[in-house]
Each structure stands twice: as C-alpha cells, then as structure tokens.
C-alpha cells in the first residue's frame, strides 16, 4: 500500500484530532503528516510526523513558501487554513506539482466569505438562509445612526469586524451593564453604547464594522462535507447546549439550510455553516470554508469527516455516510508529553 503525504499549514490546536482521525482510518490507509506553524511550540505540531516553522508572510510570497514546501516534501494533499485565499489564487501551480489542495477555488466566493458583509449581500433575497438585520459602518456617526435604527426596529444590538474569525472583535451593546460589578466577574463581551461611540470617535475612519441585530437564542454549527463540485454529501448539526455539552440533533430546518447553501454556493470539501436563532428563526452568522474547530465533536456521530474529505480531494468514492444524530457529546482535556519544539523538517 502506498504512503500518502499530507501537509497542514497553520491550524487550530484541534487539528491534533483530525490528524489522528485520518491516521486511524477504517481502511488501513497509510499517511505521513507534515505540519508548519509560526510558533514552534504550538500544540498542533505534536500531531505530525514532521513538523516545522513557517514565516510570518502573506500574499503570493506565502503561496510560494507553501508551494516550495510541497515540492520539497512530495506532498500529495495540502490542507490549508492560514492564507486560504492566497493559496486558492495559486491553486493551478499546485496542480502542476501534483499536489491536491483542499481549498475552494472560486476566488470571488472565497473573498466574499472572508468579508462577511459581502457574503451577506450575495445571499440577500435568494431564500438560502435568513440574514440578520445589519449595517456596515466606517465612522462613529455611521455607527450611531446604525445603532439607533436597529434599536428602533426592536433589536438588541451587537457589532463585529467584517473580516474577523470566530468571535474576535465581537461586542454586545448593553447600557445596563454595571462597570463596577463587571470588575469582579468574568471578562464581559458587553459594552455601553457611549463607551463604544467614544472609542470609535477617536478615529476619523476605522476598519469596517457590521452593526447587527443581536441573535439571542441557541447557536448551531452545521459541519458539511461536499465533493469537489460542491455537491453535498453529508451535514451534521451541532448545537451548543449548557456548559460544554453539544447536541447533534436531527432537525429538518437545519438540514434544509445545509442543502440550500450547498446548492447556491457550491463550496467543496469540508466546511462549516454557523447559524444562531432569534425569535425562533435560525439566522446566518458566517460560513467557514474549512474544517471547523469543533468538528471532532460532530465526528462522534460516526462520520469521519477529515478522512472522507481526504478521500474526496483524492477523487475517490465511498458509500454515503449516515450520521447517528440525536446524541449529546462533550470533551475533556487530554494531557500529553511534549516532543521537542518544531524545527524545519523538510527534505533538501
């Protein structure tokens, strides 16, 4: 049986789980794993057979670095997270090398998913998934008008950068917050309007913010797997419950959202749809064109998404997976002994 070389660039620490899911596959296929990260002590590097550091660069220069890494190490499958757009723009060069890249090649679509306001605009009026009420602002006065308009429409209000990942930069506007009491509690995401307005007023123009209706009810991540043409293979809804508890539930409206998103966007391989409910309606937060940080929980349904994604990018077929839904799951920390800090580990 031949050995397949797989390369992950900078990923979350949970990639540790995905590497082991691919390695411990039910077909007995053999893989060698390569990984890089700017931090030589990052936990993700503990998963790989060969680990190294990567430079703090971007754009075409980063794509050149990744291309050379793949050439030097005879990489068969490259699974990027960092700089996906830069890599997608140069995907044809990886093709020439013989490296399969697990990335969305529709560059305009990828650009719009990174800039969330553009993605919302692209879905508006297409009956794919409900969109929260929002306005994009770049000045303090625009921020004030957007806030007042959303409050007048009956919404609680939040804001976040248009191009943030996860919860970075997310704040909830709450004029009832007690600044003194908050000093003795957990770090809060809430901020009074006056404080936010005063801070934003210090800049004549600031990077774009989306001022949005606050979605106050349960949040659901829908982990999806599609083929190279974007045809949906399987979707697994993962609802955050109390504490660390997640529920993988069979909810037709969520399966329908996954089906409509796949039909409209044609995102290939593994990706994640995030929605949050407000007044009983699931509304879109964002779509991440990659494996999500919590995918390892969804895989407890019996669907090994990372391994099947590799099979898909290699052009192989397999029986349609049937997730076992209606289950609850959680996670515990796993103590591990650290290997040596990563050092460049590539062939000459």
Protein backbone atom coordinates (compact mmCIF):
# COMPACT_ATOMS: atom_id res chain seq x y z
CA UNK A 1 0.00 0.00 0.00
CA UNK A 2 1.41 3.38 -0.99
CA UNK A 3 2.05 6.14 1.55
CA UNK A 4 0.18 9.47 1.10
CA UNK A 5 1.88 12.64 2.32
CA UNK A 6 -0.46 15.24 3.85
CA UNK A 7 0.53 18.79 4.81
CA UNK A 8 -1.34 21.11 7.20
CA UNK A 9 -0.12 24.69 7.48
CA UNK A 10 -1.04 26.89 10.46
CA UNK A 11 -4.15 25.38 12.06
CA UNK A 12 -6.01 25.38 15.37
CA UNK A 13 -4.76 23.05 18.09
CA UNK A 14 -7.80 20.79 17.45
CA UNK A 15 -6.15 19.71 14.20
CA UNK A 16 -4.43 17.23 16.53
CA UNK A 17 -7.71 15.29 16.50
CA UNK A 18 -8.16 15.49 12.73
CA UNK A 19 -4.70 14.14 12.01
CA UNK A 20 -5.39 11.17 14.26
CA UNK A 21 -8.81 10.57 12.68
CA UNK A 22 -7.15 10.37 9.26
CA UNK A 23 -4.30 8.25 10.60
CA UNK A 24 -6.66 5.79 12.36
CA UNK A 25 -8.92 5.36 9.34
CA UNK A 26 -11.09 2.22 8.92
CA UNK A 27 -9.48 1.27 5.60
CA UNK A 28 -5.97 0.90 6.96
CA UNK A 29 -4.60 3.53 4.56
CA UNK A 30 -1.16 4.84 5.45
CA UNK A 31 -0.33 8.52 5.70
CA UNK A 32 2.66 10.64 6.64
CA UNK A 33 1.80 14.03 8.12
CA UNK A 34 3.70 17.27 7.72
CA UNK A 35 2.80 20.48 9.54
CA UNK A 36 4.06 24.01 9.99
CA UNK A 37 3.18 26.84 12.37
CA UNK A 38 4.87 30.16 13.24
CA UNK A 39 5.05 29.07 16.89
CA UNK A 40 7.49 26.14 17.21
CA UNK A 41 5.75 25.08 20.45
CA UNK A 42 2.20 25.12 19.13
CA UNK A 43 0.23 22.03 20.17
CA UNK A 44 -0.89 21.27 16.62
CA UNK A 45 2.70 20.36 15.78
CA UNK A 46 2.56 17.45 18.24
CA UNK A 47 0.32 15.55 15.81
CA UNK A 48 2.65 15.46 12.82
CA UNK A 49 5.38 13.06 11.78
CA UNK A 50 7.41 16.01 10.51
CA UNK A 51 6.92 19.49 12.00
CA UNK A 52 8.48 22.82 11.18
CA UNK A 53 8.04 26.55 11.48
CA UNK A 54 6.67 28.86 8.83
CA UNK A 55 7.46 32.53 8.13
CA UNK A 56 5.19 35.44 9.03
CA UNK A 57 4.43 36.45 5.44
CA UNK A 58 1.35 36.67 3.26
CA UNK A 59 0.10 37.06 -0.29
CA UNK A 60 1.89 35.42 -3.19
CA UNK A 61 5.04 35.18 -1.08
CA UNK A 62 3.24 32.81 1.30
CA UNK A 63 1.87 30.77 -1.60
CA UNK A 64 5.44 30.48 -2.90
CA UNK A 65 6.57 29.20 0.51
CA UNK A 66 3.78 26.59 0.61
CA UNK A 67 4.46 25.53 -2.97
CA UNK A 68 8.14 25.01 -2.27
CA UNK A 69 7.32 23.09 0.92
CA UNK A 70 5.03 20.78 -1.06
CA UNK A 71 7.62 20.30 -3.81
CA UNK A 72 10.44 19.56 -1.40
CA UNK A 73 8.41 17.08 0.66
CA UNK A 74 6.48 15.44 -2.19
CA UNK A 75 3.14 16.41 -0.64
CA UNK A 76 0.10 14.65 -2.10
CA UNK A 77 -2.62 16.57 -0.21
CA UNK A 78 -2.32 20.11 1.18
CA UNK A 79 -4.99 21.16 3.73
CA UNK A 80 -4.57 24.90 4.40
CA UNK A 81 -6.26 27.14 6.94
CA UNK A 82 -3.97 30.18 7.06
CA UNK A 83 -3.92 32.27 3.88
CA UNK A 84 -6.50 30.15 2.04
CA UNK A 85 -7.27 32.98 -0.38
CA UNK A 86 -3.62 33.43 -1.36
CA UNK A 87 -3.32 29.69 -1.92
CA UNK A 88 -6.56 29.46 -3.91
CA UNK A 89 -5.28 32.14 -6.29
CA UNK A 90 -2.21 29.99 -6.98
CA UNK A 91 -4.00 26.60 -6.99
CA UNK A 92 -3.03 25.87 -10.60
CA UNK A 93 0.64 25.87 -9.59
CA UNK A 94 -0.01 23.14 -7.02
CA UNK A 95 -1.84 21.18 -9.76
CA UNK A 96 1.28 21.33 -11.90
CA UNK A 97 3.25 19.96 -8.95
CA UNK A 98 0.80 17.08 -8.47
CA UNK A 99 -0.40 18.31 -5.05
CA UNK A 100 -4.15 18.21 -4.37
CA UNK A 101 -5.23 21.29 -2.40
CA UNK A 102 -8.30 21.13 -0.15
CA UNK A 103 -9.48 24.67 -0.85
CA UNK A 104 -12.40 26.45 -2.51
CA UNK A 105 -11.15 27.60 -5.92
CA UNK A 106 -13.99 30.04 -6.52
CA UNK A 107 -11.91 33.08 -5.59
CA UNK A 108 -14.77 35.66 -5.64
CA UNK A 109 -16.83 33.36 -3.39
CA UNK A 110 -13.87 32.84 -1.05
CA UNK A 111 -13.24 36.59 -0.89
CA UNK A 112 -16.89 37.22 -0.01
CA UNK A 113 -16.86 34.62 2.77
CA UNK A 114 -13.85 36.37 4.30
CA UNK A 115 -15.59 39.78 4.10
CA UNK A 116 -18.86 38.86 5.81
CA UNK A 117 -20.82 41.90 4.63
CA UNK A 118 -20.11 40.98 1.01
CA UNK A 119 -21.26 37.42 1.66
CA UNK A 120 -24.49 38.64 3.26
CA UNK A 121 -25.09 40.84 0.22
CA UNK A 122 -24.52 37.89 -2.13
CA UNK A 123 -27.21 35.84 -0.35
CA UNK A 124 -29.77 38.62 0.11
CA UNK A 125 -33.14 37.84 -1.46
CA UNK A 126 -32.14 34.34 -2.61
CA UNK A 127 -34.09 32.34 0.01
CA UNK A 128 -30.98 30.41 1.08
CA UNK A 129 -30.78 31.26 4.79
CA UNK A 130 -32.24 34.20 6.77
CA UNK A 131 -29.80 37.09 7.25
CA UNK A 132 -29.71 39.24 10.40
CA UNK A 133 -30.57 42.93 10.08
CA UNK A 134 -27.27 44.81 9.83
CA UNK A 135 -25.49 47.91 8.57
CA UNK A 136 -21.81 48.36 7.66
CA UNK A 137 -20.12 51.43 9.15
CA UNK A 138 -16.72 53.10 9.00
CA UNK A 139 -17.27 56.26 11.10
CA UNK A 140 -18.58 56.96 14.58
CA UNK A 141 -21.58 58.86 13.20
CA UNK A 142 -22.50 55.97 10.91
CA UNK A 143 -22.16 53.68 13.94
CA UNK A 144 -24.53 55.89 15.95
CA UNK A 145 -27.15 56.01 13.17
CA UNK A 146 -26.98 52.25 12.61
CA UNK A 147 -27.36 51.56 16.33
CA UNK A 148 -30.37 53.87 16.63
CA UNK A 149 -32.01 52.38 13.53
CA UNK A 150 -31.67 48.81 14.83
CA UNK A 151 -32.97 49.76 18.29
CA UNK A 152 -35.94 51.49 16.65
CA UNK A 153 -36.64 48.24 14.76
CA UNK A 154 -36.90 46.45 18.11
CA UNK A 155 -33.50 44.76 18.18
CA UNK A 156 -30.80 44.43 20.79
CA UNK A 157 -27.55 45.34 19.03
CA UNK A 158 -24.04 43.92 18.63
CA UNK A 159 -21.12 44.67 16.33
CA UNK A 160 -18.04 42.96 14.91
CA UNK A 161 -15.39 43.50 12.21
CA UNK A 162 -16.44 42.39 8.73
CA UNK A 163 -13.38 40.15 8.33
CA UNK A 164 -12.87 38.65 11.78
CA UNK A 165 -12.58 34.94 12.50
CA UNK A 166 -14.61 33.33 15.26
CA UNK A 167 -15.57 35.80 17.98
CA UNK A 168 -12.66 38.22 17.56
CA UNK A 169 -13.85 41.82 17.90
CA UNK A 170 -17.43 40.83 18.75
CA UNK A 171 -19.18 43.11 21.27
CA UNK A 172 -22.73 43.41 22.60
CA UNK A 173 -24.09 46.91 23.26
CA UNK A 174 -25.62 46.92 26.73
CA UNK A 175 -26.39 50.18 28.52
CA UNK A 176 -27.46 48.32 31.66
CA UNK A 177 -24.04 46.80 32.34
CA UNK A 178 -22.57 47.69 35.74
CA UNK A 179 -18.87 48.58 35.13
CA UNK A 180 -18.02 48.15 38.81
CA UNK A 181 -19.70 44.75 39.16
CA UNK A 182 -18.06 43.55 35.94
CA UNK A 183 -14.63 44.06 37.52
CA UNK A 184 -15.39 41.15 39.83
CA UNK A 185 -16.88 38.81 37.23
CA UNK A 186 -15.80 37.11 34.03
CA UNK A 187 -14.43 39.28 31.24
CA UNK A 188 -17.52 40.62 29.51
CA UNK A 189 -18.26 40.98 25.80
CA UNK A 190 -20.75 43.74 26.64
CA UNK A 191 -20.02 47.44 26.33
CA UNK A 192 -22.22 50.52 26.86
CA UNK A 193 -23.09 52.43 23.69
CA UNK A 194 -21.47 55.64 24.96
CA UNK A 195 -18.16 53.87 25.60
CA UNK A 196 -18.12 52.24 22.16
CA UNK A 197 -19.09 55.51 20.46
CA UNK A 198 -16.42 57.45 22.35
CA UNK A 199 -13.71 54.92 21.41
CA UNK A 200 -14.73 54.87 17.74
CA UNK A 201 -14.88 58.68 17.65
CA UNK A 202 -11.13 58.79 18.16
CA UNK A 203 -10.63 57.73 14.55
CA UNK A 204 -11.86 59.72 11.57
CA UNK A 205 -12.45 56.39 9.79
CA UNK A 206 -11.92 52.86 11.08
CA UNK A 207 -11.89 49.35 9.54
CA UNK A 208 -15.40 48.25 8.61
CA UNK A 209 -17.73 47.11 11.36
CA UNK A 210 -21.04 45.29 10.98
CA UNK A 211 -23.62 46.70 13.40
CA UNK A 212 -26.21 43.93 13.71
CA UNK A 213 -29.28 42.65 15.48
CA UNK A 214 -28.20 40.53 18.42
CA UNK A 215 -29.18 36.90 17.93
CA UNK A 216 -30.09 35.86 21.46
CA UNK A 217 -31.02 32.20 21.26
CA UNK A 218 -29.18 28.91 20.63
CA UNK A 219 -26.20 28.68 18.29
CA UNK A 220 -25.71 25.82 15.83
CA UNK A 221 -22.70 24.82 13.74
CA UNK A 222 -23.52 22.67 10.72
CA UNK A 223 -20.45 20.69 9.67
CA UNK A 224 -20.69 19.82 5.99
CA UNK A 225 -18.84 17.61 3.53
CA UNK A 226 -19.20 18.06 -0.23
CA UNK A 227 -17.48 16.64 -3.27
CA UNK A 228 -15.10 18.62 -5.50
CA UNK A 229 -18.07 20.10 -7.39
CA UNK A 230 -19.78 21.27 -4.22
CA UNK A 231 -22.45 18.55 -4.19
CA UNK A 232 -23.44 17.99 -0.56
CA UNK A 233 -22.54 14.54 0.79
CA UNK A 234 -23.48 14.92 4.46
CA UNK A 235 -24.34 17.61 7.01
CA UNK A 236 -24.13 17.31 10.81
CA UNK A 237 -25.81 19.96 13.01
CA UNK A 238 -24.03 20.59 16.31
CA UNK A 239 -25.98 22.71 18.81
CA UNK A 240 -24.23 24.25 21.78
CA UNK A 241 -26.20 23.40 24.90
CA UNK A 242 -25.26 24.17 28.51
CA UNK A 243 -21.61 24.39 29.54
CA UNK A 244 -19.51 22.08 27.39
CA UNK A 245 -22.46 19.99 26.21
CA UNK A 246 -23.25 19.78 22.49
CA UNK A 247 -26.20 18.09 20.84
CA UNK A 248 -26.05 16.57 17.36
CA UNK A 249 -29.72 16.67 16.51
CA UNK A 250 -31.93 15.68 13.62
CA UNK A 251 -33.62 18.99 12.81
CA UNK A 252 -35.10 19.24 9.27
CA UNK A 253 -34.81 23.04 9.05
CA UNK A 254 -31.05 22.82 9.63
CA UNK A 255 -30.62 20.06 7.06
CA UNK A 256 -32.56 22.26 4.63
CA UNK A 257 -30.26 25.22 5.27
CA UNK A 258 -27.25 22.99 4.52
CA UNK A 259 -28.90 21.76 1.31
CA UNK A 260 -29.73 25.29 0.10
CA UNK A 261 -26.28 26.67 0.95
CA UNK A 262 -24.65 23.80 -0.96
CA UNK A 263 -26.88 24.38 -3.98
CA UNK A 264 -26.23 28.14 -4.00
CA UNK A 265 -22.54 28.31 -3.09
CA UNK A 266 -21.02 25.01 -4.30
CA UNK A 267 -18.33 25.00 -1.61
CA UNK A 268 -16.16 21.89 -2.00
CA UNK A 269 -14.80 19.50 0.64
CA UNK A 270 -15.24 20.23 4.38
CA UNK A 271 -16.86 23.46 5.53
CA UNK A 272 -18.97 24.85 8.35
CA UNK A 273 -22.19 26.89 8.46
CA UNK A 274 -22.85 28.84 11.66
CA UNK A 275 -26.36 30.00 12.48
CA UNK A 276 -27.93 31.47 15.60
CA UNK A 277 -31.60 31.64 16.47
CA UNK A 278 -33.54 34.80 17.25
CA UNK A 279 -37.26 34.66 17.98
CA UNK A 280 -37.29 31.08 16.75
CA UNK A 281 -35.64 31.84 13.38
CA UNK A 282 -32.16 30.47 12.54
CA UNK A 283 -30.12 33.30 11.00
CA UNK A 284 -26.69 33.16 9.39
CA UNK A 285 -23.60 34.14 11.34
CA UNK A 286 -20.94 33.02 8.86
CA UNK A 287 -19.68 30.20 6.68
CA UNK A 288 -16.12 28.94 7.13
CA UNK A 289 -14.74 27.20 4.01
CA UNK A 290 -12.67 24.75 6.07
CA UNK A 291 -12.98 22.17 8.83
CA UNK A 292 -14.36 23.85 11.95
CA UNK A 293 -12.60 23.94 15.30
CA UNK A 294 -15.31 21.73 16.85
CA UNK A 295 -15.62 19.20 14.04
CA UNK A 296 -14.13 16.45 16.20
CA UNK A 297 -17.35 16.54 18.27
CA UNK A 298 -19.54 16.17 15.18
CA UNK A 299 -17.46 13.15 14.16
CA UNK A 300 -18.81 11.31 17.21
CA UNK A 301 -21.89 10.69 15.03
CA UNK A 302 -19.81 8.00 13.30
CA UNK A 303 -18.79 10.09 10.27
CA UNK A 304 -15.02 10.53 9.96
CA UNK A 305 -15.23 13.84 8.09
CA UNK A 306 -11.45 14.57 7.95
CA UNK A 307 -10.68 11.18 6.41
CA UNK A 308 -13.61 11.34 3.97
CA UNK A 309 -12.55 14.85 2.97
CA UNK A 310 -9.11 13.49 2.08
CA UNK A 311 -10.75 10.70 0.08
CA UNK A 312 -12.84 13.30 -1.72
CA UNK A 313 -9.93 15.55 -2.66
CA UNK A 314 -8.11 12.47 -3.97
CA UNK A 315 -11.10 11.76 -6.23
CA UNK A 316 -12.14 8.53 -4.53
CA UNK A 317 -15.72 7.40 -3.95
CA UNK A 318 -17.26 5.88 -0.85
CA UNK A 319 -20.74 4.93 0.41
CA UNK A 320 -22.85 7.88 1.55
CA UNK A 321 -22.26 8.26 5.30
CA UNK A 322 -25.25 8.28 7.64
CA UNK A 323 -24.58 10.21 10.85
CA UNK A 324 -26.10 8.93 14.06
CA UNK A 325 -27.97 12.01 15.25
CA UNK A 326 -29.83 12.59 18.49
CA UNK A 327 -26.71 12.26 20.62
CA UNK A 328 -25.05 14.50 23.21
CA UNK A 329 -21.32 14.99 23.46
CA UNK A 330 -18.69 16.89 25.39
CA UNK A 331 -14.90 16.93 25.77
CA UNK A 332 -12.18 16.70 28.40
CA UNK A 333 -8.62 17.97 28.36
CA UNK A 334 -6.08 15.32 27.35
CA UNK A 335 -2.63 15.56 28.96
CA UNK A 336 0.23 14.84 26.58
CA UNK A 337 4.01 14.88 26.84
CA UNK A 338 5.52 17.46 24.52
CA UNK A 339 8.02 16.47 21.87
CA UNK A 340 10.90 18.77 21.04
CA UNK A 341 9.95 22.19 19.72
CA UNK A 342 9.45 22.15 15.98
CA UNK A 343 12.35 22.85 13.75
CA UNK A 344 12.46 22.94 9.95
CA UNK A 345 11.83 19.31 8.93
CA UNK A 346 11.94 19.18 5.15
CA UNK A 347 13.89 17.33 2.51
CA UNK A 348 16.86 19.02 0.93
